[in-house]
Amino acid sequence: MEKMSVNPPIKPPRRKLAAPRTQLDRSNWIESAIDVLAREGVAGLRVEVLAKRCGVTKGSFYWHFKDRQDLLAAVLEHWREGRIRDIEKITTVSPGHERDQLHFAIEVYGASRNRKGMSIELAMRDWARHDPQAAAVVEAVDLYRLECTRKLFVATGMSDAEAKSRSLLLYACVFGLSLMHYAHFDNHLDDLKQRIADRIVSA
């Protein structure tokens, strides 16, 4: 009896698996919003733009936020909390080392390598110029900065009035320098900055 050949069953082509959908939590949205804020200002914080940038639909946004204003409030609070933590870290010191810590604060805030942080700072201040909620947050951070350094100056033996003057001078200097282009003003910029810091901190 002749054997009949049996062909193996034809397997259907495999379906390509869909790429996993990007999952974003609330903090991811806030961090992405802050990146956009640093580059484009608050006007760039639009839901559809952020969703496209993150590779998700707008539905993901509304899962975490009621609306754009809810996101803006979250960005402000995130920035405020982050700045307060940084200020405490920079100005906390054991007794007897206050002058060293003041020099350290000037160095950190005046560091040219902190470009992203300064871009965010400037964007926040521009936002605060025309938004009362942002202005209140920026003022709260500024007052906290000034108060922390005021305490350091007082601990070095200065009067409260003098400590307030030095504290305001410190921040006026470091933030003012961040807005200026002075690379060719002096051939020894590090020495120049050190002399400025000495003037601010010295008794």
N, C-alpha and C. Protein backbone atom coordinates (compact mmCIF):
# COMPACT_ATOMS: atom_id res chain seq x y z
N MET A 1 0.85 -1.19 0.00
CA MET A 1 0.00 0.00 0.00
C MET A 1 0.89 1.24 0.00
N GLU A 2 0.55 2.14 -0.88
CA GLU A 2 1.38 3.33 -1.04
C GLU A 2 1.17 4.30 0.12
N LYS A 3 2.30 4.75 0.71
CA LYS A 3 2.22 5.70 1.83
C LYS A 3 1.94 7.11 1.31
N MET A 4 1.05 7.78 1.98
CA MET A 4 0.73 9.15 1.60
C MET A 4 1.54 10.11 2.49
N SER A 5 2.15 11.09 1.83
CA SER A 5 2.93 12.07 2.61
C SER A 5 1.99 13.07 3.27
N VAL A 6 2.31 13.34 4.51
CA VAL A 6 1.48 14.28 5.28
C VAL A 6 2.28 15.56 5.51
N ASN A 7 1.80 16.62 4.96
CA ASN A 7 2.49 17.90 5.16
C ASN A 7 2.18 18.46 6.54
N PRO A 8 3.18 19.04 7.20
CA PRO A 8 2.92 19.63 8.53
C PRO A 8 1.97 20.81 8.39
N PRO A 9 1.15 21.02 9.39
CA PRO A 9 0.20 22.14 9.32
C PRO A 9 0.93 23.48 9.21
N ILE A 10 0.38 24.34 8.41
CA ILE A 10 0.98 25.67 8.22
C ILE A 10 0.66 26.53 9.44
N LYS A 11 1.72 27.04 10.04
CA LYS A 11 1.54 27.89 11.23
C LYS A 11 1.21 29.31 10.79
N PRO A 12 0.25 29.91 11.43
CA PRO A 12 -0.08 31.30 11.09
C PRO A 12 1.09 32.21 11.45
N PRO A 13 1.28 33.27 10.70
CA PRO A 13 2.39 34.19 11.01
C PRO A 13 2.23 34.79 12.40
N ARG A 14 3.37 34.93 13.05
CA ARG A 14 3.33 35.50 14.41
C ARG A 14 3.00 36.99 14.35
N ARG A 15 2.17 37.37 15.25
CA ARG A 15 1.86 38.80 15.35
C ARG A 15 2.99 39.52 16.09
N LYS A 16 3.31 40.66 15.59
CA LYS A 16 4.31 41.45 16.29
C LYS A 16 3.70 41.99 17.58
N LEU A 17 4.47 41.82 18.66
CA LEU A 17 3.98 42.32 19.94
C LEU A 17 4.04 43.84 19.97
N ALA A 18 2.99 44.42 20.46
CA ALA A 18 2.96 45.87 20.56
C ALA A 18 3.98 46.34 21.58
N ALA A 19 4.60 47.45 21.29
CA ALA A 19 5.58 48.00 22.23
C ALA A 19 4.88 48.36 23.53
N PRO A 20 5.52 48.04 24.66
CA PRO A 20 4.88 48.37 25.94
C PRO A 20 4.62 49.87 26.07
N ARG A 21 3.48 50.20 26.60
CA ARG A 21 3.12 51.60 26.73
C ARG A 21 3.90 52.23 27.88
N THR A 22 4.31 53.44 27.66
CA THR A 22 5.06 54.15 28.69
C THR A 22 4.13 54.44 29.87
N GLN A 23 4.62 54.11 31.06
CA GLN A 23 3.84 54.37 32.26
C GLN A 23 4.48 55.53 33.02
N LEU A 24 3.74 56.60 33.22
CA LEU A 24 4.25 57.75 33.94
C LEU A 24 3.48 57.94 35.24
N ASP A 25 4.20 58.19 36.31
CA ASP A 25 3.52 58.54 37.54
C ASP A 25 3.51 60.06 37.69
N ARG A 26 2.95 60.55 38.75
CA ARG A 26 2.80 61.99 38.95
C ARG A 26 4.16 62.69 38.96
N SER A 27 5.13 62.08 39.61
CA SER A 27 6.46 62.70 39.71
C SER A 27 7.14 62.80 38.34
N ASN A 28 6.91 61.81 37.46
CA ASN A 28 7.47 61.87 36.11
C ASN A 28 6.94 63.07 35.35
N TRP A 29 5.66 63.32 35.48
CA TRP A 29 5.05 64.47 34.81
C TRP A 29 5.64 65.78 35.34
N ILE A 30 5.82 65.85 36.64
CA ILE A 30 6.35 67.07 37.25
C ILE A 30 7.78 67.33 36.81
N GLU A 31 8.61 66.28 36.80
CA GLU A 31 10.00 66.44 36.38
C GLU A 31 10.08 66.86 34.91
N SER A 32 9.24 66.26 34.09
CA SER A 32 9.22 66.63 32.67
C SER A 32 8.78 68.08 32.51
N ALA A 33 7.79 68.49 33.30
CA ALA A 33 7.31 69.87 33.24
C ALA A 33 8.40 70.85 33.64
N ILE A 34 9.20 70.50 34.64
CA ILE A 34 10.28 71.38 35.08
C ILE A 34 11.36 71.50 34.00
N ASP A 35 11.63 70.41 33.29
CA ASP A 35 12.60 70.47 32.18
C ASP A 35 12.12 71.45 31.10
N VAL A 36 10.83 71.36 30.77
CA VAL A 36 10.26 72.26 29.77
C VAL A 36 10.26 73.70 30.28
N LEU A 37 9.93 73.87 31.55
CA LEU A 37 9.92 75.20 32.16
C LEU A 37 11.29 75.86 32.03
N ALA A 38 12.36 75.09 32.28
CA ALA A 38 13.71 75.65 32.21
C ALA A 38 14.07 76.11 30.81
N ARG A 39 13.54 75.44 29.78
CA ARG A 39 13.90 75.77 28.40
C ARG A 39 12.94 76.77 27.76
N GLU A 40 11.65 76.66 28.08
CA GLU A 40 10.64 77.44 27.35
C GLU A 40 9.83 78.38 28.22
N GLY A 41 10.02 78.31 29.53
CA GLY A 41 9.21 79.13 30.41
C GLY A 41 7.83 78.52 30.65
N VAL A 42 7.04 79.17 31.48
CA VAL A 42 5.74 78.62 31.84
C VAL A 42 4.80 78.53 30.64
N ALA A 43 5.00 79.38 29.64
CA ALA A 43 4.14 79.34 28.45
C ALA A 43 4.28 78.02 27.71
N GLY A 44 5.42 77.36 27.87
CA GLY A 44 5.65 76.08 27.20
C GLY A 44 5.01 74.90 27.90
N LEU A 45 4.47 75.12 29.08
CA LEU A 45 3.86 74.02 29.84
C LEU A 45 2.42 73.80 29.39
N ARG A 46 2.28 73.12 28.26
CA ARG A 46 0.97 72.78 27.72
C ARG A 46 0.80 71.27 27.74
N VAL A 47 -0.38 70.83 28.08
CA VAL A 47 -0.63 69.40 28.28
C VAL A 47 -0.27 68.58 27.05
N GLU A 48 -0.73 69.03 25.87
CA GLU A 48 -0.48 68.24 24.66
C GLU A 48 1.01 68.18 24.33
N VAL A 49 1.74 69.25 24.61
CA VAL A 49 3.18 69.27 24.35
C VAL A 49 3.90 68.31 25.29
N LEU A 50 3.53 68.34 26.56
CA LEU A 50 4.15 67.44 27.54
C LEU A 50 3.85 65.97 27.22
N ALA A 51 2.60 65.69 26.83
CA ALA A 51 2.22 64.32 26.51
C ALA A 51 3.02 63.80 25.32
N LYS A 52 3.16 64.62 24.30
CA LYS A 52 3.94 64.23 23.13
C LYS A 52 5.40 64.02 23.49
N ARG A 53 5.92 64.89 24.32
CA ARG A 53 7.32 64.78 24.73
C ARG A 53 7.57 63.49 25.52
N CYS A 54 6.58 63.11 26.31
CA CYS A 54 6.71 61.90 27.14
C CYS A 54 6.29 60.63 26.41
N GLY A 55 5.74 60.78 25.21
CA GLY A 55 5.32 59.60 24.44
C GLY A 55 4.07 58.93 24.96
N VAL A 56 3.17 59.73 25.53
CA VAL A 56 1.92 59.18 26.06
C VAL A 56 0.75 60.03 25.58
N THR A 57 -0.45 59.56 25.88
CA THR A 57 -1.64 60.32 25.50
C THR A 57 -1.99 61.31 26.61
N LYS A 58 -2.85 62.26 26.28
CA LYS A 58 -3.28 63.23 27.28
C LYS A 58 -4.08 62.56 28.40
N GLY A 59 -4.65 61.39 28.10
CA GLY A 59 -5.41 60.66 29.13
C GLY A 59 -4.55 60.32 30.33
N SER A 60 -3.26 60.04 30.08
CA SER A 60 -2.34 59.74 31.18
C SER A 60 -2.18 60.95 32.10
N PHE A 61 -2.14 62.13 31.49
CA PHE A 61 -2.01 63.36 32.28
C PHE A 61 -3.20 63.52 33.21
N TYR A 62 -4.41 63.36 32.66
CA TYR A 62 -5.61 63.59 33.46
C TYR A 62 -5.87 62.49 34.49
N TRP A 63 -5.10 61.44 34.42
CA TRP A 63 -5.17 60.42 35.47
C TRP A 63 -4.52 60.95 36.75
N HIS A 64 -3.51 61.83 36.59
CA HIS A 64 -2.75 62.33 37.73
C HIS A 64 -3.09 63.77 38.12
N PHE A 65 -3.62 64.55 37.16
CA PHE A 65 -3.90 65.96 37.42
C PHE A 65 -5.30 66.33 36.94
N LYS A 66 -5.93 67.23 37.69
CA LYS A 66 -7.27 67.67 37.29
C LYS A 66 -7.22 68.49 36.01
N ASP A 67 -6.21 69.36 35.93
CA ASP A 67 -6.09 70.23 34.78
C ASP A 67 -4.68 70.83 34.77
N ARG A 68 -4.42 71.72 33.83
CA ARG A 68 -3.10 72.33 33.72
C ARG A 68 -2.74 73.10 34.99
N GLN A 69 -3.72 73.80 35.58
CA GLN A 69 -3.46 74.58 36.79
C GLN A 69 -3.02 73.68 37.94
N ASP A 70 -3.56 72.48 38.00
CA ASP A 70 -3.16 71.51 39.02
C ASP A 70 -1.69 71.12 38.84
N LEU A 71 -1.28 70.96 37.59
CA LEU A 71 0.13 70.66 37.30
C LEU A 71 1.02 71.82 37.72
N LEU A 72 0.62 73.04 37.36
CA LEU A 72 1.43 74.21 37.70
C LEU A 72 1.61 74.33 39.21
N ALA A 73 0.55 74.07 39.97
CA ALA A 73 0.64 74.13 41.43
C ALA A 73 1.60 73.05 41.94
N ALA A 74 1.57 71.88 41.31
CA ALA A 74 2.46 70.79 41.72
C ALA A 74 3.93 71.12 41.41
N VAL A 75 4.16 71.77 40.28
CA VAL A 75 5.52 72.19 39.90
C VAL A 75 6.05 73.20 40.92
N LEU A 76 5.24 74.16 41.29
CA LEU A 76 5.65 75.16 42.27
C LEU A 76 5.99 74.52 43.61
N GLU A 77 5.14 73.61 44.05
CA GLU A 77 5.38 72.97 45.34
C GLU A 77 6.62 72.08 45.30
N HIS A 78 6.82 71.39 44.20
CA HIS A 78 8.00 70.53 44.04
C HIS A 78 9.27 71.38 44.08
N TRP A 79 9.25 72.51 43.39
CA TRP A 79 10.42 73.39 43.38
C TRP A 79 10.67 73.96 44.77
N ARG A 80 9.62 74.39 45.44
CA ARG A 80 9.76 74.96 46.79
C ARG A 80 10.37 73.94 47.75
N GLU A 81 9.84 72.74 47.75
CA GLU A 81 10.35 71.70 48.65
C GLU A 81 11.81 71.38 48.34
N GLY A 82 12.14 71.28 47.06
CA GLY A 82 13.51 70.98 46.67
C GLY A 82 14.49 72.07 47.09
N ARG A 83 14.07 73.33 46.92
CA ARG A 83 14.95 74.43 47.30
C ARG A 83 15.14 74.48 48.81
N ILE A 84 14.09 74.24 49.57
CA ILE A 84 14.20 74.25 51.03
C ILE A 84 15.18 73.18 51.49
N ARG A 85 15.09 71.99 50.90
CA ARG A 85 16.02 70.91 51.27
C ARG A 85 17.45 71.30 50.95
N ASP A 86 17.67 71.88 49.77
CA ASP A 86 19.02 72.29 49.38
C ASP A 86 19.56 73.39 50.29
N ILE A 87 18.71 74.34 50.62
CA ILE A 87 19.15 75.44 51.50
C ILE A 87 19.57 74.89 52.85
N GLU A 88 18.78 73.99 53.41
CA GLU A 88 19.12 73.41 54.70
C GLU A 88 20.43 72.62 54.63
N LYS A 89 20.61 71.92 53.52
CA LYS A 89 21.84 71.13 53.35
C LYS A 89 23.06 72.05 53.26
N ILE A 90 22.91 73.16 52.55
CA ILE A 90 24.04 74.07 52.32
C ILE A 90 24.36 74.92 53.54
N THR A 91 23.36 75.23 54.37
CA THR A 91 23.59 76.16 55.48
C THR A 91 23.65 75.48 56.85
N THR A 92 23.50 74.16 56.89
CA THR A 92 23.61 73.46 58.17
C THR A 92 25.08 73.20 58.48
N VAL A 93 25.51 73.57 59.68
CA VAL A 93 26.92 73.47 60.03
C VAL A 93 27.08 73.35 61.54
N SER A 94 28.14 72.71 61.96
CA SER A 94 28.42 72.61 63.39
C SER A 94 28.98 73.94 63.89
N PRO A 95 28.74 74.29 65.15
CA PRO A 95 29.21 75.57 65.70
C PRO A 95 30.72 75.76 65.52
N GLY A 96 31.09 76.99 65.15
CA GLY A 96 32.50 77.31 64.96
C GLY A 96 32.95 77.27 63.52
N HIS A 97 32.08 76.79 62.61
CA HIS A 97 32.47 76.67 61.19
C HIS A 97 31.54 77.50 60.28
N GLU A 98 30.91 78.50 60.85
CA GLU A 98 29.92 79.27 60.10
C GLU A 98 30.53 80.03 58.92
N ARG A 99 31.71 80.60 59.10
CA ARG A 99 32.33 81.34 57.99
C ARG A 99 32.68 80.41 56.83
N ASP A 100 33.19 79.25 57.15
CA ASP A 100 33.50 78.27 56.11
C ASP A 100 32.23 77.89 55.35
N GLN A 101 31.14 77.75 56.08
CA GLN A 101 29.88 77.36 55.44
C GLN A 101 29.33 78.48 54.56
N LEU A 102 29.52 79.72 54.98
CA LEU A 102 29.11 80.85 54.15
C LEU A 102 29.91 80.89 52.85
N HIS A 103 31.20 80.64 52.94
CA HIS A 103 32.03 80.56 51.73
C HIS A 103 31.54 79.43 50.83
N PHE A 104 31.17 78.32 51.45
CA PHE A 104 30.67 77.18 50.69
C PHE A 104 29.37 77.53 49.98
N ALA A 105 28.48 78.26 50.67
CA ALA A 105 27.21 78.66 50.06
C ALA A 105 27.45 79.55 48.85
N ILE A 106 28.39 80.49 48.97
CA ILE A 106 28.72 81.37 47.84
C ILE A 106 29.27 80.56 46.68
N GLU A 107 30.11 79.59 46.99
CA GLU A 107 30.70 78.76 45.93
C GLU A 107 29.64 77.93 45.21
N VAL A 108 28.73 77.33 45.98
CA VAL A 108 27.68 76.48 45.38
C VAL A 108 26.73 77.31 44.52
N TYR A 109 26.23 78.40 45.05
CA TYR A 109 25.26 79.21 44.30
C TYR A 109 25.91 79.94 43.13
N GLY A 110 27.20 80.20 43.23
CA GLY A 110 27.88 80.91 42.15
C GLY A 110 28.56 80.01 41.15
N ALA A 111 28.42 78.70 41.31
CA ALA A 111 29.10 77.76 40.41
C ALA A 111 28.51 77.82 39.01
N SER A 112 29.36 78.04 38.02
CA SER A 112 28.88 78.14 36.64
C SER A 112 28.43 76.79 36.10
N ARG A 113 28.85 75.70 36.76
CA ARG A 113 28.48 74.37 36.27
C ARG A 113 27.01 74.05 36.53
N ASN A 114 26.38 74.81 37.42
CA ASN A 114 24.99 74.54 37.76
C ASN A 114 24.05 75.27 36.80
N ARG A 115 24.23 75.05 35.50
CA ARG A 115 23.46 75.78 34.49
C ARG A 115 21.99 75.42 34.51
N LYS A 116 21.69 74.13 34.65
CA LYS A 116 20.28 73.72 34.64
C LYS A 116 19.54 74.30 35.84
N GLY A 117 20.17 74.21 37.00
CA GLY A 117 19.53 74.76 38.20
C GLY A 117 19.26 76.24 38.07
N MET A 118 20.21 76.97 37.48
CA MET A 118 20.03 78.41 37.32
C MET A 118 18.96 78.71 36.27
N SER A 119 18.89 77.88 35.22
CA SER A 119 17.84 78.06 34.21
C SER A 119 16.45 77.90 34.82
N ILE A 120 16.32 76.91 35.71
CA ILE A 120 15.04 76.71 36.40
C ILE A 120 14.75 77.89 37.31
N GLU A 121 15.78 78.34 38.03
CA GLU A 121 15.61 79.49 38.94
C GLU A 121 15.12 80.72 38.18
N LEU A 122 15.76 81.01 37.06
CA LEU A 122 15.37 82.19 36.28
C LEU A 122 13.97 82.04 35.70
N ALA A 123 13.62 80.83 35.27
CA ALA A 123 12.28 80.59 34.73
C ALA A 123 11.22 80.79 35.82
N MET A 124 11.54 80.33 37.03
CA MET A 124 10.60 80.51 38.14
C MET A 124 10.41 81.99 38.44
N ARG A 125 11.49 82.76 38.40
CA ARG A 125 11.39 84.19 38.71
C ARG A 125 10.64 84.95 37.61
N ASP A 126 10.83 84.53 36.38
CA ASP A 126 10.08 85.15 35.30
C ASP A 126 8.58 84.85 35.44
N TRP A 127 8.28 83.62 35.81
CA TRP A 127 6.90 83.21 36.05
C TRP A 127 6.30 84.05 37.18
N ALA A 128 7.09 84.27 38.24
CA ALA A 128 6.60 85.00 39.41
C ALA A 128 6.30 86.46 39.10
N ARG A 129 6.86 86.98 38.01
CA ARG A 129 6.62 88.39 37.66
C ARG A 129 5.17 88.66 37.30
N HIS A 130 4.46 87.64 36.82
CA HIS A 130 3.08 87.88 36.37
C HIS A 130 2.09 86.86 36.92
N ASP A 131 2.49 86.12 37.97
CA ASP A 131 1.58 85.14 38.56
C ASP A 131 1.69 85.22 40.09
N PRO A 132 0.62 85.60 40.78
CA PRO A 132 0.68 85.77 42.24
C PRO A 132 1.05 84.49 42.99
N GLN A 133 0.57 83.35 42.52
CA GLN A 133 0.88 82.09 43.20
C GLN A 133 2.36 81.77 43.09
N ALA A 134 2.92 81.96 41.91
CA ALA A 134 4.35 81.72 41.72
C ALA A 134 5.16 82.73 42.52
N ALA A 135 4.71 83.98 42.56
CA ALA A 135 5.41 85.02 43.30
C ALA A 135 5.47 84.69 44.78
N ALA A 136 4.38 84.15 45.32
CA ALA A 136 4.34 83.79 46.74
C ALA A 136 5.33 82.68 47.06
N VAL A 137 5.45 81.71 46.15
CA VAL A 137 6.38 80.59 46.36
C VAL A 137 7.82 81.07 46.27
N VAL A 138 8.13 81.89 45.27
CA VAL A 138 9.49 82.40 45.12
C VAL A 138 9.87 83.26 46.32
N GLU A 139 8.94 84.08 46.79
CA GLU A 139 9.23 84.91 47.96
C GLU A 139 9.49 84.05 49.19
N ALA A 140 8.72 82.98 49.37
CA ALA A 140 8.92 82.09 50.52
C ALA A 140 10.31 81.47 50.48
N VAL A 141 10.75 81.05 49.30
CA VAL A 141 12.08 80.46 49.16
C VAL A 141 13.16 81.50 49.43
N ASP A 142 12.99 82.69 48.88
CA ASP A 142 13.99 83.75 49.09
C ASP A 142 14.11 84.11 50.57
N LEU A 143 12.99 84.25 51.25
CA LEU A 143 13.02 84.61 52.67
C LEU A 143 13.67 83.51 53.50
N TYR A 144 13.43 82.26 53.10
CA TYR A 144 14.06 81.14 53.82
C TYR A 144 15.57 81.16 53.60
N ARG A 145 16.00 81.41 52.37
CA ARG A 145 17.43 81.53 52.08
C ARG A 145 18.07 82.63 52.93
N LEU A 146 17.45 83.80 52.92
CA LEU A 146 18.00 84.94 53.64
C LEU A 146 18.05 84.67 55.14
N GLU A 147 17.03 84.03 55.66
CA GLU A 147 16.99 83.75 57.10
C GLU A 147 18.08 82.75 57.50
N CYS A 148 18.29 81.73 56.69
CA CYS A 148 19.31 80.73 57.02
C CYS A 148 20.72 81.33 57.03
N THR A 149 21.02 82.15 56.04
CA THR A 149 22.35 82.77 56.02
C THR A 149 22.45 83.88 57.08
N ARG A 150 21.34 84.54 57.37
CA ARG A 150 21.36 85.55 58.45
C ARG A 150 21.80 84.90 59.76
N LYS A 151 21.27 83.72 60.03
CA LYS A 151 21.63 83.01 61.26
C LYS A 151 23.12 82.66 61.28
N LEU A 152 23.66 82.31 60.13
CA LEU A 152 25.09 82.00 60.06
C LEU A 152 25.92 83.24 60.35
N PHE A 153 25.55 84.36 59.77
CA PHE A 153 26.28 85.60 60.02
C PHE A 153 26.20 86.01 61.49
N VAL A 154 25.02 85.87 62.09
CA VAL A 154 24.85 86.19 63.51
C VAL A 154 25.76 85.30 64.35
N ALA A 155 25.86 84.03 63.97
CA ALA A 155 26.69 83.09 64.72
C ALA A 155 28.17 83.44 64.66
N THR A 156 28.56 84.22 63.65
CA THR A 156 29.97 84.66 63.56
C THR A 156 30.24 85.87 64.45
N GLY A 157 29.19 86.41 65.06
CA GLY A 157 29.37 87.54 65.96
C GLY A 157 28.82 88.86 65.44
N MET A 158 28.19 88.87 64.28
CA MET A 158 27.64 90.11 63.73
C MET A 158 26.31 90.45 64.40
N SER A 159 25.99 91.75 64.39
CA SER A 159 24.68 92.18 64.87
C SER A 159 23.61 91.69 63.89
N ASP A 160 22.36 91.69 64.35
CA ASP A 160 21.28 91.22 63.48
C ASP A 160 21.15 92.10 62.25
N ALA A 161 21.29 93.41 62.44
CA ALA A 161 21.16 94.34 61.32
C ALA A 161 22.27 94.09 60.29
N GLU A 162 23.49 93.91 60.77
CA GLU A 162 24.61 93.65 59.86
C GLU A 162 24.44 92.29 59.18
N ALA A 163 23.97 91.31 59.92
CA ALA A 163 23.77 89.97 59.36
C ALA A 163 22.74 89.99 58.24
N LYS A 164 21.68 90.77 58.41
CA LYS A 164 20.66 90.88 57.35
C LYS A 164 21.25 91.54 56.10
N SER A 165 22.07 92.57 56.31
CA SER A 165 22.70 93.24 55.17
C SER A 165 23.61 92.29 54.41
N ARG A 166 24.42 91.53 55.15
CA ARG A 166 25.36 90.60 54.50
C ARG A 166 24.61 89.47 53.80
N SER A 167 23.54 89.01 54.43
CA SER A 167 22.76 87.92 53.82
C SER A 167 22.16 88.36 52.49
N LEU A 168 21.59 89.55 52.46
CA LEU A 168 21.01 90.07 51.22
C LEU A 168 22.11 90.33 50.19
N LEU A 169 23.25 90.84 50.63
CA LEU A 169 24.37 91.08 49.73
C LEU A 169 24.88 89.78 49.11
N LEU A 170 24.94 88.74 49.91
CA LEU A 170 25.42 87.44 49.42
C LEU A 170 24.58 86.96 48.24
N TYR A 171 23.26 86.97 48.41
CA TYR A 171 22.40 86.46 47.34
C TYR A 171 22.30 87.42 46.16
N ALA A 172 22.34 88.72 46.43
CA ALA A 172 22.35 89.69 45.34
C ALA A 172 23.58 89.48 44.47
N CYS A 173 24.69 89.14 45.10
CA CYS A 173 25.94 88.92 44.37
C CYS A 173 25.87 87.65 43.52
N VAL A 174 25.55 86.51 44.14
CA VAL A 174 25.62 85.24 43.39
C VAL A 174 24.56 85.18 42.28
N PHE A 175 23.37 85.69 42.54
CA PHE A 175 22.35 85.65 41.49
C PHE A 175 22.59 86.73 40.44
N GLY A 176 23.14 87.85 40.87
CA GLY A 176 23.48 88.89 39.90
C GLY A 176 24.57 88.43 38.95
N LEU A 177 25.60 87.79 39.49
CA LEU A 177 26.69 87.29 38.64
C LEU A 177 26.20 86.24 37.64
N SER A 178 25.16 85.49 38.03
CA SER A 178 24.64 84.46 37.12
C SER A 178 24.03 85.06 35.87
N LEU A 179 23.66 86.34 35.92
CA LEU A 179 23.04 87.00 34.78
C LEU A 179 24.05 87.73 33.91
N MET A 180 25.28 87.82 34.39
CA MET A 180 26.27 88.64 33.70
C MET A 180 27.26 87.79 32.89
N HIS A 181 27.81 88.38 31.84
CA HIS A 181 28.87 87.76 31.05
C HIS A 181 30.15 88.54 31.33
N TYR A 182 31.00 87.96 32.13
CA TYR A 182 32.19 88.70 32.57
C TYR A 182 33.47 87.87 32.46
N ALA A 183 33.45 86.87 31.59
CA ALA A 183 34.60 85.97 31.46
C ALA A 183 35.89 86.70 31.09
N HIS A 184 35.76 87.81 30.35
CA HIS A 184 36.95 88.55 29.91
C HIS A 184 37.20 89.81 30.74
N PHE A 185 36.51 89.92 31.87
CA PHE A 185 36.69 91.09 32.72
C PHE A 185 38.02 91.05 33.48
N ASP A 186 38.44 89.83 33.82
CA ASP A 186 39.68 89.67 34.59
C ASP A 186 40.35 88.37 34.18
N ASN A 187 41.67 88.37 34.16
CA ASN A 187 42.40 87.16 33.77
C ASN A 187 42.45 86.11 34.86
N HIS A 188 42.06 86.49 36.06
CA HIS A 188 42.10 85.56 37.19
C HIS A 188 40.75 85.59 37.91
N LEU A 189 39.73 85.04 37.24
CA LEU A 189 38.38 85.14 37.77
C LEU A 189 38.21 84.42 39.10
N ASP A 190 38.89 83.30 39.28
CA ASP A 190 38.77 82.57 40.54
C ASP A 190 39.26 83.43 41.71
N ASP A 191 40.38 84.11 41.49
CA ASP A 191 40.89 85.00 42.54
C ASP A 191 39.93 86.17 42.79
N LEU A 192 39.37 86.68 41.71
CA LEU A 192 38.42 87.79 41.84
C LEU A 192 37.20 87.36 42.65
N LYS A 193 36.65 86.19 42.34
CA LYS A 193 35.49 85.69 43.07
C LYS A 193 35.83 85.44 44.54
N GLN A 194 37.04 84.97 44.79
CA GLN A 194 37.45 84.72 46.17
C GLN A 194 37.52 86.02 46.97
N ARG A 195 38.02 87.07 46.34
CA ARG A 195 38.10 88.37 47.03
C ARG A 195 36.70 88.91 47.33
N ILE A 196 35.78 88.70 46.38
CA ILE A 196 34.39 89.14 46.61
C ILE A 196 33.80 88.37 47.79
N ALA A 197 33.99 87.06 47.80
CA ALA A 197 33.46 86.23 48.90
C ALA A 197 34.05 86.65 50.23
N ASP A 198 35.35 86.95 50.23
CA ASP A 198 36.00 87.40 51.47
C ASP A 198 35.37 88.70 51.98
N ARG A 199 35.08 89.61 51.05
CA ARG A 199 34.47 90.88 51.44
C ARG A 199 33.09 90.66 52.07
N ILE A 200 32.33 89.75 51.50
CA ILE A 200 30.98 89.48 52.00
C ILE A 200 31.02 88.83 53.38
N VAL A 201 31.92 87.89 53.56
CA VAL A 201 31.92 87.06 54.77
C VAL A 201 32.75 87.67 55.90
N SER A 202 33.77 88.44 55.58
CA SER A 202 34.68 88.92 56.62
C SER A 202 33.98 89.80 57.64
N ALA A 203 34.53 89.82 58.86
CA ALA A 203 33.94 90.61 59.96
C ALA A 203 34.06 92.10 59.70
